[in-house]
Structures are given as C-alpha cells and as structure tokens.
Amino acid sequence: MPNPIMRPLLRWAEGLRFPRLALITAALFVADLLIPDFIPFVDEILLGLGTLLLANLKQRANGDG
C-alpha cells in the first residue's frame, strides 16, 4: 500500500520547475543529515524528489521542456 503522505507531495512536486525542485530536494537532504528522521518517511520522499529532479534534467537536455 503506498504511503498516503508521499502521493500528494510528489504530485505537487511534479509541477515544480528545475531550480525550485533542486532547492527543495537539497534543503530536505541537508535537514535530514542534520536531524535524522525529523520527518516520517523522509528518505522515501527524497528518493521521489530525486527521481523527479533527474527526469526534469533529462527533459531539459532533450529540449522537451
């Protein structure tokens, strides 16, 4: 069963453009390093945001967006 927190968060993040998405991902990663497990399922959220970030980079390299 998918996490009910991640689905709406990742759906919202899909609409973000590269600079803002990269900033949010980096800030969440640094916060997770400083304070481990301060948000439940933060590791899974970071994996989803990282996937979206890489997909955005691929689209930009191909000239699709």
PDB file of N, CA and C in Angstrom:
ATOM      1  N   MET A   1       0.852  -1.184   0.000  1.00  0.00           N
ATOM      2  CA  MET A   1       0.000   0.000   0.000  1.00  0.00           C
ATOM      3  C   MET A   1       0.896   1.245   0.000  1.00  0.00           C
ATOM      4  N   PRO A   2       0.679   2.164  -0.933  1.00  0.00           N
ATOM      5  CA  PRO A   2       1.507   3.373  -0.993  1.00  0.00           C
ATOM      6  C   PRO A   2       1.283   4.268   0.222  1.00  0.00           C
ATOM      7  N   ASN A   3       2.313   5.002   0.541  1.00  0.00           N
ATOM      8  CA  ASN A   3       2.257   5.929   1.662  1.00  0.00           C
ATOM      9  C   ASN A   3       1.296   7.073   1.334  1.00  0.00           C
ATOM     10  N   PRO A   4       0.304   7.355   2.169  1.00  0.00           N
ATOM     11  CA  PRO A   4      -0.659   8.418   1.873  1.00  0.00           C
ATOM     12  C   PRO A   4      -0.067   9.820   1.925  1.00  0.00           C
ATOM     13  N   ILE A   5       1.097   9.978   2.528  1.00  0.00           N
ATOM     14  CA  ILE A   5       1.738  11.292   2.583  1.00  0.00           C
ATOM     15  C   ILE A   5       2.499  11.576   1.295  1.00  0.00           C
ATOM     16  N   MET A   6       3.134  10.550   0.747  1.00  0.00           N
ATOM     17  CA  MET A   6       4.012  10.753  -0.403  1.00  0.00           C
ATOM     18  C   MET A   6       3.262  11.083  -1.686  1.00  0.00           C
ATOM     19  N   ARG A   7       2.146  10.440  -1.924  1.00  0.00           N
ATOM     20  CA  ARG A   7       1.435  10.629  -3.194  1.00  0.00           C
ATOM     21  C   ARG A   7       1.067  12.092  -3.444  1.00  0.00           C
ATOM     22  N   PRO A   8       0.387  12.797  -2.513  1.00  0.00           N
ATOM     23  CA  PRO A   8       0.065  14.204  -2.778  1.00  0.00           C
ATOM     24  C   PRO A   8       1.302  15.092  -2.852  1.00  0.00           C
ATOM     25  N   LEU A   9       2.307  14.786  -2.040  1.00  0.00           N
ATOM     26  CA  LEU A   9       3.527  15.581  -2.058  1.00  0.00           C
ATOM     27  C   LEU A   9       4.250  15.466  -3.397  1.00  0.00           C
ATOM     28  N   LEU A  10       4.390  14.244  -3.903  1.00  0.00           N
ATOM     29  CA  LEU A  10       5.067  14.059  -5.179  1.00  0.00           C
ATOM     30  C   LEU A  10       4.234  14.587  -6.345  1.00  0.00           C
ATOM     31  N   ARG A  11       2.932  14.497  -6.238  1.00  0.00           N
ATOM     32  CA  ARG A  11       2.072  15.066  -7.287  1.00  0.00           C
ATOM     33  C   ARG A  11       2.247  16.588  -7.339  1.00  0.00           C
ATOM     34  N   TRP A  12       2.361  17.221  -6.172  1.00  0.00           N
ATOM     35  CA  TRP A  12       2.611  18.668  -6.123  1.00  0.00           C
ATOM     36  C   TRP A  12       3.986  18.994  -6.688  1.00  0.00           C
ATOM     37  N   ALA A  13       4.981  18.177  -6.341  1.00  0.00           N
ATOM     38  CA  ALA A  13       6.351  18.430  -6.772  1.00  0.00           C
ATOM     39  C   ALA A  13       6.535  18.234  -8.274  1.00  0.00           C
ATOM     40  N   GLU A  14       5.692  17.433  -8.915  1.00  0.00           N
ATOM     41  CA  GLU A  14       5.790  17.233 -10.362  1.00  0.00           C
ATOM     42  C   GLU A  14       5.619  18.538 -11.121  1.00  0.00           C
ATOM     43  N   GLY A  15       4.876  19.456 -10.570  1.00  0.00           N
ATOM     44  CA  GLY A  15       4.623  20.725 -11.248  1.00  0.00           C
ATOM     45  C   GLY A  15       5.731  21.755 -11.065  1.00  0.00           C
ATOM     46  N   LEU A  16       6.705  21.465 -10.212  1.00  0.00           N
ATOM     47  CA  LEU A  16       7.781  22.426  -9.971  1.00  0.00           C
ATOM     48  C   LEU A  16       8.816  22.377 -11.089  1.00  0.00           C
ATOM     49  N   ARG A  17       9.414  23.519 -11.363  1.00  0.00           N
ATOM     50  CA  ARG A  17      10.471  23.583 -12.364  1.00  0.00           C
ATOM     51  C   ARG A  17      11.813  23.292 -11.695  1.00  0.00           C
ATOM     52  N   PHE A  18      12.849  23.149 -12.512  1.00  0.00           N
ATOM     53  CA  PHE A  18      14.147  22.667 -12.051  1.00  0.00           C
ATOM     54  C   PHE A  18      14.736  23.437 -10.875  1.00  0.00           C
ATOM     55  N   PRO A  19      14.909  24.756 -10.922  1.00  0.00           N
ATOM     56  CA  PRO A  19      15.629  25.394  -9.801  1.00  0.00           C
ATOM     57  C   PRO A  19      14.933  25.213  -8.453  1.00  0.00           C
ATOM     58  N   ARG A  20      13.648  25.365  -8.439  1.00  0.00           N
ATOM     59  CA  ARG A  20      12.910  25.247  -7.171  1.00  0.00           C
ATOM     60  C   ARG A  20      12.902  23.803  -6.676  1.00  0.00           C
ATOM     61  N   LEU A  21      12.736  22.846  -7.588  1.00  0.00           N
ATOM     62  CA  LEU A  21      12.740  21.439  -7.211  1.00  0.00           C
ATOM     63  C   LEU A  21      14.103  21.035  -6.662  1.00  0.00           C
ATOM     64  N   ALA A  22      15.174  21.511  -7.276  1.00  0.00           N
ATOM     65  CA  ALA A  22      16.525  21.211  -6.790  1.00  0.00           C
ATOM     66  C   ALA A  22      16.748  21.819  -5.413  1.00  0.00           C
ATOM     67  N   LEU A  23      16.273  23.023  -5.197  1.00  0.00           N
ATOM     68  CA  LEU A  23      16.438  23.690  -3.905  1.00  0.00           C
ATOM     69  C   LEU A  23      15.680  22.949  -2.801  1.00  0.00           C
ATOM     70  N   ILE A  24      14.472  22.537  -3.066  1.00  0.00           N
ATOM     71  CA  ILE A  24      13.676  21.814  -2.070  1.00  0.00           C
ATOM     72  C   ILE A  24      14.322  20.476  -1.747  1.00  0.00           C
ATOM     73  N   THR A  25      14.790  19.772  -2.784  1.00  0.00           N
ATOM     74  CA  THR A  25      15.439  18.475  -2.570  1.00  0.00           C
ATOM     75  C   THR A  25      16.715  18.634  -1.749  1.00  0.00           C
ATOM     76  N   ALA A  26      17.530  19.621  -2.086  1.00  0.00           N
ATOM     77  CA  ALA A  26      18.779  19.840  -1.358  1.00  0.00           C
ATOM     78  C   ALA A  26      18.517  20.242   0.092  1.00  0.00           C
ATOM     79  N   ALA A  27      17.543  21.114   0.310  1.00  0.00           N
ATOM     80  CA  ALA A  27      17.234  21.552   1.676  1.00  0.00           C
ATOM     81  C   ALA A  27      16.728  20.391   2.527  1.00  0.00           C
ATOM     82  N   LEU A  28      15.887  19.571   1.949  1.00  0.00           N
ATOM     83  CA  LEU A  28      15.372  18.417   2.682  1.00  0.00           C
ATOM     84  C   LEU A  28      16.486  17.423   2.982  1.00  0.00           C
ATOM     85  N   PHE A  29      17.411  17.231   2.048  1.00  0.00           N
ATOM     86  CA  PHE A  29      18.542  16.332   2.263  1.00  0.00           C
ATOM     87  C   PHE A  29      19.447  16.831   3.385  1.00  0.00           C
ATOM     88  N   VAL A  30      19.763  18.110   3.361  1.00  0.00           N
ATOM     89  CA  VAL A  30      20.631  18.682   4.403  1.00  0.00           C
ATOM     90  C   VAL A  30      19.944  18.615   5.763  1.00  0.00           C
ATOM     91  N   ALA A  31      18.659  18.910   5.799  1.00  0.00           N
ATOM     92  CA  ALA A  31      17.927  18.833   7.058  1.00  0.00           C
ATOM     93  C   ALA A  31      17.907  17.401   7.592  1.00  0.00           C
ATOM     94  N   ASP A  32      17.782  16.429   6.689  1.00  0.00           N
ATOM     95  CA  ASP A  32      17.786  15.028   7.108  1.00  0.00           C
ATOM     96  C   ASP A  32      19.163  14.616   7.626  1.00  0.00           C
ATOM     97  N   LEU A  33      20.215  15.177   7.065  1.00  0.00           N
ATOM     98  CA  LEU A  33      21.555  14.877   7.572  1.00  0.00           C
ATOM     99  C   LEU A  33      21.785  15.468   8.956  1.00  0.00           C
ATOM    100  N   LEU A  34      21.286  16.672   9.183  1.00  0.00           N
ATOM    101  CA  LEU A  34      21.491  17.345  10.464  1.00  0.00           C
ATOM    102  C   LEU A  34      20.620  16.770  11.575  1.00  0.00           C
ATOM    103  N   ILE A  35      19.368  16.481  11.249  1.00  0.00           N
ATOM    104  CA  ILE A  35      18.418  15.950  12.233  1.00  0.00           C
ATOM    105  C   ILE A  35      17.811  14.682  11.638  1.00  0.00           C
ATOM    106  N   PRO A  36      18.410  13.517  11.893  1.00  0.00           N
ATOM    107  CA  PRO A  36      17.896  12.273  11.303  1.00  0.00           C
ATOM    108  C   PRO A  36      16.452  11.991  11.721  1.00  0.00           C
ATOM    109  N   ASP A  37      15.668  11.597  10.742  1.00  0.00           N
ATOM    110  CA  ASP A  37      14.273  11.168  10.934  1.00  0.00           C
ATOM    111  C   ASP A  37      13.392  12.219  11.608  1.00  0.00           C
ATOM    112  N   PHE A  38      13.559  13.478  11.231  1.00  0.00           N
ATOM    113  CA  PHE A  38      12.689  14.513  11.785  1.00  0.00           C
ATOM    114  C   PHE A  38      11.335  14.532  11.083  1.00  0.00           C
ATOM    115  N   ILE A  39      11.266  14.000   9.878  1.00  0.00           N
ATOM    116  CA  ILE A  39      10.008  13.846   9.146  1.00  0.00           C
ATOM    117  C   ILE A  39       9.837  12.360   8.863  1.00  0.00           C
ATOM    118  N   PRO A  40       8.668  11.778   9.159  1.00  0.00           N
ATOM    119  CA  PRO A  40       8.475  10.365   8.838  1.00  0.00           C
ATOM    120  C   PRO A  40       8.582  10.135   7.332  1.00  0.00           C
ATOM    121  N   PHE A  41       9.229   9.083   6.939  1.00  0.00           N
ATOM    122  CA  PHE A  41       9.384   8.676   5.539  1.00  0.00           C
ATOM    123  C   PHE A  41      10.162   9.693   4.708  1.00  0.00           C
ATOM    124  N   VAL A  42      11.056  10.467   5.326  1.00  0.00           N
ATOM    125  CA  VAL A  42      11.801  11.488   4.592  1.00  0.00           C
ATOM    126  C   VAL A  42      12.709  10.849   3.543  1.00  0.00           C
ATOM    127  N   ASP A  43      13.216   9.660   3.804  1.00  0.00           N
ATOM    128  CA  ASP A  43      14.085   9.004   2.833  1.00  0.00           C
ATOM    129  C   ASP A  43      13.323   8.656   1.561  1.00  0.00           C
ATOM    130  N   GLU A  44      12.093   8.183   1.710  1.00  0.00           N
ATOM    131  CA  GLU A  44      11.282   7.855   0.547  1.00  0.00           C
ATOM    132  C   GLU A  44      10.892   9.126  -0.224  1.00  0.00           C
ATOM    133  N   ILE A  45      10.620  10.186   0.502  1.00  0.00           N
ATOM    134  CA  ILE A  45      10.298  11.457  -0.145  1.00  0.00           C
ATOM    135  C   ILE A  45      11.500  11.963  -0.940  1.00  0.00           C
ATOM    136  N   LEU A  46      12.692  11.845  -0.355  1.00  0.00           N
ATOM    137  CA  LEU A  46      13.908  12.264  -1.060  1.00  0.00           C
ATOM    138  C   LEU A  46      14.140  11.440  -2.319  1.00  0.00           C
ATOM    139  N   LEU A  47      13.868  10.138  -2.266  1.00  0.00           N
ATOM    140  CA  LEU A  47      14.012   9.310  -3.463  1.00  0.00           C
ATOM    141  C   LEU A  47      13.039   9.756  -4.555  1.00  0.00           C
ATOM    142  N   GLY A  48      11.816  10.047  -4.186  1.00  0.00           N
ATOM    143  CA  GLY A  48      10.840  10.525  -5.166  1.00  0.00           C
ATOM    144  C   GLY A  48      11.226  11.872  -5.753  1.00  0.00           C
ATOM    145  N   LEU A  49      11.670  12.797  -4.907  1.00  0.00           N
ATOM    146  CA  LEU A  49      12.093  14.112  -5.396  1.00  0.00           C
ATOM    147  C   LEU A  49      13.332  14.006  -6.271  1.00  0.00           C
ATOM    148  N   GLY A  50      14.247  13.111  -5.902  1.00  0.00           N
ATOM    149  CA  GLY A  50      15.431  12.899  -6.729  1.00  0.00           C
ATOM    150  C   GLY A  50      15.072  12.345  -8.096  1.00  0.00           C
ATOM    151  N   THR A  51      14.104  11.453  -8.136  1.00  0.00           N
ATOM    152  CA  THR A  51      13.636  10.916  -9.412  1.00  0.00           C
ATOM    153  C   THR A  51      13.023  12.009 -10.270  1.00  0.00           C
ATOM    154  N   LEU A  52      12.192  12.858  -9.671  1.00  0.00           N
ATOM    155  CA  LEU A  52      11.613  13.971 -10.417  1.00  0.00           C
ATOM    156  C   LEU A  52      12.685  14.936 -10.897  1.00  0.00           C
ATOM    157  N   LEU A  53      13.687  15.173 -10.077  1.00  0.00           N
ATOM    158  CA  LEU A  53      14.777  16.065 -10.445  1.00  0.00           C
ATOM    159  C   LEU A  53      15.548  15.522 -11.646  1.00  0.00           C
ATOM    160  N   LEU A  54      15.868  14.238 -11.626  1.00  0.00           N
ATOM    161  CA  LEU A  54      16.567  13.633 -12.760  1.00  0.00           C
ATOM    162  C   LEU A  54      15.704  13.615 -14.020  1.00  0.00           C
ATOM    163  N   ALA A  55      14.411  13.399 -13.868  1.00  0.00           N
ATOM    164  CA  ALA A  55      13.518  13.437 -15.026  1.00  0.00           C
ATOM    165  C   ALA A  55      13.467  14.838 -15.623  1.00  0.00           C
ATOM    166  N   ASN A  56      13.457  15.871 -14.760  1.00  0.00           N
ATOM    167  CA  ASN A  56      13.483  17.250 -15.252  1.00  0.00           C
ATOM    168  C   ASN A  56      14.773  17.549 -15.992  1.00  0.00           C
ATOM    169  N   LEU A  57      15.894  17.059 -15.482  1.00  0.00           N
ATOM    170  CA  LEU A  57      17.173  17.276 -16.154  1.00  0.00           C
ATOM    171  C   LEU A  57      17.198  16.599 -17.517  1.00  0.00           C
ATOM    172  N   LYS A  58      16.654  15.418 -17.597  1.00  0.00           N
ATOM    173  CA  LYS A  58      16.612  14.699 -18.872  1.00  0.00           C
ATOM    174  C   LYS A  58      15.735  15.442 -19.876  1.00  0.00           C
ATOM    175  N   GLN A  59      14.595  15.949 -19.436  1.00  0.00           N
ATOM    176  CA  GLN A  59      13.723  16.711 -20.320  1.00  0.00           C
ATOM    177  C   GLN A  59      14.401  17.962 -20.818  1.00  0.00           C
ATOM    178  N   ARG A  60      15.129  18.646 -19.950  1.00  0.00           N
ATOM    179  CA  ARG A  60      15.830  19.875 -20.347  1.00  0.00           C
ATOM    180  C   ARG A  60      16.941  19.557 -21.342  1.00  0.00           C
ATOM    181  N   ALA A  61      17.638  18.430 -21.159  1.00  0.00           N
ATOM    182  CA  ALA A  61      18.718  18.064 -22.062  1.00  0.00           C
ATOM    183  C   ALA A  61      18.185  17.687 -23.442  1.00  0.00           C
ATOM    184  N   ASN A  62      17.004  17.089 -23.476  1.00  0.00           N
ATOM    185  CA  ASN A  62      16.393  16.703 -24.745  1.00  0.00           C
ATOM    186  C   ASN A  62      15.669  17.861 -25.413  1.00  0.00           C
ATOM    187  N   GLY A  63      15.487  18.951 -24.701  1.00  0.00           N
ATOM    188  CA  GLY A  63      14.790  20.114 -25.243  1.00  0.00           C
ATOM    189  C   GLY A  63      13.283  19.981 -25.201  1.00  0.00           C
ATOM    190  N   ASP A  64      12.767  19.074 -24.366  1.00  0.00           N
ATOM    191  CA  ASP A  64      11.324  18.861 -24.273  1.00  0.00           C
ATOM    192  C   ASP A  64      10.641  19.887 -23.370  1.00  0.00           C
ATOM    193  N   GLY A  65      11.372  20.564 -22.541  1.00  0.00           N
ATOM    194  CA  GLY A  65      10.708  21.455 -21.594  1.00  0.00           C
ATOM    195  C   GLY A  65      11.575  22.505 -21.208  1.00  0.00           C
TER     196      GLY A  65
END
